[in-house]
Amino acid sequence: MLCYFNEVIINGFQFSIIDSIEKKIDYLFPSLTGQHLKSIKKSFHNALEKAQIEEFRFHDLRHTFSSYLAMGGIEENTRAVFSGYSKSTIMCSYTHTNWELKIAAVEIIGNLCG
């Protein structure tokens, strides 16, 4: 039998939002009946429908998260751990940088070369 333990690291801003939620039940993300959420993907799909968002997959959140970590200057190994990637080569295919960051990187390289 496999056993998994996940840790969630949050910052002070995130904690203040969670702490401000009135706690009538034990779950942060409960089912509609207030019980344990059985399917995150199904709930996510229902939320997308309600918000009228089309052509968006649950896995897209992983891509976006990894890209924002890269844009924030988080180093590669930490990005891989936070994003749940076993290898940094896999992570690279999911991390997308914007043109401004690419241009800035080229400028930095140019400055280093003199």
C-alpha atoms as a PDB file:
ATOM      1  CA  MET A   1       0.000   0.000   0.000  1.00  0.00           C
ATOM      2  CA  LEU A   2       1.334   3.410  -0.946  1.00  0.00           C
ATOM      3  CA  CYS A   3       0.989   6.326   1.403  1.00  0.00           C
ATOM      4  CA  TYR A   4       1.315   9.946   0.333  1.00  0.00           C
ATOM      5  CA  PHE A   5       1.682  13.002   2.526  1.00  0.00           C
ATOM      6  CA  ASN A   6       1.398  16.430   0.995  1.00  0.00           C
ATOM      7  CA  GLU A   7       2.491  19.647   2.624  1.00  0.00           C
ATOM      8  CA  VAL A   8       1.073  22.996   1.680  1.00  0.00           C
ATOM      9  CA  ILE A   9       3.243  26.027   2.318  1.00  0.00           C
ATOM     10  CA  ILE A  10       1.357  29.317   2.403  1.00  0.00           C
ATOM     11  CA  ASN A  11       2.425  32.902   2.968  1.00  0.00           C
ATOM     12  CA  GLY A  12       0.954  35.417   5.401  1.00  0.00           C
ATOM     13  CA  PHE A  13      -1.457  36.880   2.843  1.00  0.00           C
ATOM     14  CA  GLN A  14      -2.836  33.466   1.963  1.00  0.00           C
ATOM     15  CA  PHE A  15      -3.133  32.562   5.643  1.00  0.00           C
ATOM     16  CA  SER A  16      -5.101  35.746   6.382  1.00  0.00           C
ATOM     17  CA  ILE A  17      -7.595  34.903   3.625  1.00  0.00           C
ATOM     18  CA  ILE A  18      -8.048  31.339   4.857  1.00  0.00           C
ATOM     19  CA  ASP A  19      -8.251  32.519   8.462  1.00  0.00           C
ATOM     20  CA  SER A  20     -10.984  35.034   7.560  1.00  0.00           C
ATOM     21  CA  ILE A  21     -13.296  32.327   6.199  1.00  0.00           C
ATOM     22  CA  GLU A  22     -16.088  31.526   8.610  1.00  0.00           C
ATOM     23  CA  LYS A  23     -15.529  27.958   9.673  1.00  0.00           C
ATOM     24  CA  LYS A  24     -18.818  26.109   9.853  1.00  0.00           C
ATOM     25  CA  ILE A  25     -17.228  22.859   8.695  1.00  0.00           C
ATOM     26  CA  ASP A  26     -13.851  21.146   8.923  1.00  0.00           C
ATOM     27  CA  TYR A  27     -12.890  21.358   5.247  1.00  0.00           C
ATOM     28  CA  LEU A  28     -11.413  24.313   3.387  1.00  0.00           C
ATOM     29  CA  PHE A  29     -12.795  22.978   0.084  1.00  0.00           C
ATOM     30  CA  PRO A  30     -15.890  20.949   0.997  1.00  0.00           C
ATOM     31  CA  SER A  31     -18.425  19.278  -1.248  1.00  0.00           C
ATOM     32  CA  LEU A  32     -21.764  21.016  -1.814  1.00  0.00           C
ATOM     33  CA  THR A  33     -23.113  19.062   1.152  1.00  0.00           C
ATOM     34  CA  GLY A  34     -20.244  20.164   3.420  1.00  0.00           C
ATOM     35  CA  GLN A  35     -18.542  16.770   3.373  1.00  0.00           C
ATOM     36  CA  HIS A  36     -15.138  15.587   2.181  1.00  0.00           C
ATOM     37  CA  LEU A  37     -14.611  16.522  -1.478  1.00  0.00           C
ATOM     38  CA  LYS A  38     -14.432  13.266  -3.443  1.00  0.00           C
ATOM     39  CA  SER A  39     -13.412  14.596  -6.860  1.00  0.00           C
ATOM     40  CA  ILE A  40     -11.401  17.770  -7.267  1.00  0.00           C
ATOM     41  CA  LYS A  41     -11.459  17.452 -11.064  1.00  0.00           C
ATOM     42  CA  LYS A  42     -15.244  17.154 -11.168  1.00  0.00           C
ATOM     43  CA  SER A  43     -15.639  20.171  -8.886  1.00  0.00           C
ATOM     44  CA  PHE A  44     -13.139  22.092 -11.013  1.00  0.00           C
ATOM     45  CA  HIS A  45     -15.075  21.190 -14.175  1.00  0.00           C
ATOM     46  CA  ASN A  46     -18.337  22.332 -12.568  1.00  0.00           C
ATOM     47  CA  ALA A  47     -16.720  25.628 -11.526  1.00  0.00           C
ATOM     48  CA  LEU A  48     -15.471  26.198 -15.096  1.00  0.00           C
ATOM     49  CA  GLU A  49     -18.969  25.602 -16.458  1.00  0.00           C
ATOM     50  CA  LYS A  50     -20.503  27.968 -13.917  1.00  0.00           C
ATOM     51  CA  ALA A  51     -17.921  30.645 -14.789  1.00  0.00           C
ATOM     52  CA  GLN A  52     -18.464  29.966 -18.517  1.00  0.00           C
ATOM     53  CA  ILE A  53     -14.766  29.236 -19.072  1.00  0.00           C
ATOM     54  CA  GLU A  54     -14.080  27.009 -22.067  1.00  0.00           C
ATOM     55  CA  GLU A  55     -11.031  25.114 -23.299  1.00  0.00           C
ATOM     56  CA  PHE A  56      -9.242  25.036 -19.954  1.00  0.00           C
ATOM     57  CA  ARG A  57      -7.895  21.873 -18.367  1.00  0.00           C
ATOM     58  CA  PHE A  58      -7.125  21.197 -14.714  1.00  0.00           C
ATOM     59  CA  HIS A  59      -3.525  20.448 -15.747  1.00  0.00           C
ATOM     60  CA  ASP A  60      -3.200  23.987 -17.181  1.00  0.00           C
ATOM     61  CA  LEU A  61      -2.925  25.215 -13.583  1.00  0.00           C
ATOM     62  CA  ARG A  62       0.353  23.314 -13.233  1.00  0.00           C
ATOM     63  CA  HIS A  63       1.762  24.986 -16.342  1.00  0.00           C
ATOM     64  CA  THR A  64       0.706  28.425 -15.128  1.00  0.00           C
ATOM     65  CA  PHE A  65       2.063  27.871 -11.612  1.00  0.00           C
ATOM     66  CA  SER A  66       5.438  26.720 -12.927  1.00  0.00           C
ATOM     67  CA  SER A  67       5.622  29.688 -15.301  1.00  0.00           C
ATOM     68  CA  TYR A  68       4.818  32.185 -12.544  1.00  0.00           C
ATOM     69  CA  LEU A  69       7.490  30.662 -10.305  1.00  0.00           C
ATOM     70  CA  ALA A  70      10.020  31.081 -13.136  1.00  0.00           C
ATOM     71  CA  MET A  71       8.921  34.673 -13.765  1.00  0.00           C
ATOM     72  CA  GLY A  72       9.315  35.328 -10.041  1.00  0.00           C
ATOM     73  CA  GLY A  73      12.928  34.217 -10.165  1.00  0.00           C
ATOM     74  CA  ILE A  74      12.453  30.969  -8.238  1.00  0.00           C
ATOM     75  CA  GLU A  75      15.362  28.645  -8.970  1.00  0.00           C
ATOM     76  CA  GLU A  76      14.858  25.481 -11.002  1.00  0.00           C
ATOM     77  CA  ASN A  77      15.084  22.833  -8.269  1.00  0.00           C
ATOM     78  CA  THR A  78      12.573  24.638  -6.059  1.00  0.00           C
ATOM     79  CA  ARG A  79      10.214  25.065  -9.028  1.00  0.00           C
ATOM     80  CA  ALA A  80      10.462  21.339  -9.751  1.00  0.00           C
ATOM     81  CA  VAL A  81       9.642  20.460  -6.128  1.00  0.00           C
ATOM     82  CA  PHE A  82       6.760  22.948  -5.842  1.00  0.00           C
ATOM     83  CA  SER A  83       5.318  21.843  -9.176  1.00  0.00           C
ATOM     84  CA  GLY A  84       5.646  18.146  -8.376  1.00  0.00           C
ATOM     85  CA  TYR A  85       8.028  17.306 -11.217  1.00  0.00           C
ATOM     86  CA  SER A  86      10.445  14.430 -10.711  1.00  0.00           C
ATOM     87  CA  LYS A  87      12.979  15.826 -13.177  1.00  0.00           C
ATOM     88  CA  SER A  88      13.817  19.375 -14.142  1.00  0.00           C
ATOM     89  CA  THR A  89      13.837  18.362 -17.829  1.00  0.00           C
ATOM     90  CA  ILE A  90      10.143  17.513 -17.569  1.00  0.00           C
ATOM     91  CA  MET A  91       9.488  20.802 -15.800  1.00  0.00           C
ATOM     92  CA  CYS A  92      11.097  22.770 -18.634  1.00  0.00           C
ATOM     93  CA  SER A  93       8.446  21.606 -21.076  1.00  0.00           C
ATOM     94  CA  TYR A  94       5.734  22.948 -18.766  1.00  0.00           C
ATOM     95  CA  THR A  95       7.337  26.275 -17.887  1.00  0.00           C
ATOM     96  CA  HIS A  96       6.620  29.121 -20.263  1.00  0.00           C
ATOM     97  CA  THR A  97       8.444  32.428 -20.008  1.00  0.00           C
ATOM     98  CA  ASN A  98       7.277  35.666 -21.517  1.00  0.00           C
ATOM     99  CA  TRP A  99       9.153  37.765 -24.058  1.00  0.00           C
ATOM    100  CA  GLU A 100      10.022  40.483 -21.555  1.00  0.00           C
ATOM    101  CA  LEU A 101      11.907  37.972 -19.404  1.00  0.00           C
ATOM    102  CA  LYS A 102      13.697  36.544 -22.425  1.00  0.00           C
ATOM    103  CA  ILE A 103      14.727  40.027 -23.558  1.00  0.00           C
ATOM    104  CA  ALA A 104      15.882  40.903 -20.031  1.00  0.00           C
ATOM    105  CA  ALA A 105      17.951  37.693 -19.894  1.00  0.00           C
ATOM    106  CA  VAL A 106      19.618  38.536 -23.204  1.00  0.00           C
ATOM    107  CA  GLU A 107      20.373  42.053 -21.930  1.00  0.00           C
ATOM    108  CA  ILE A 108      21.936  40.632 -18.760  1.00  0.00           C
ATOM    109  CA  ILE A 109      24.080  38.258 -20.812  1.00  0.00           C
ATOM    110  CA  GLY A 110      25.108  41.182 -23.023  1.00  0.00           C
ATOM    111  CA  ASN A 111      26.064  43.254 -19.973  1.00  0.00           C
ATOM    112  CA  LEU A 112      28.110  40.386 -18.554  1.00  0.00           C
ATOM    113  CA  CYS A 113      29.995  40.036 -21.836  1.00  0.00           C
ATOM    114  CA  GLY A 114      30.924  43.684 -21.730  1.00  0.00           C
END
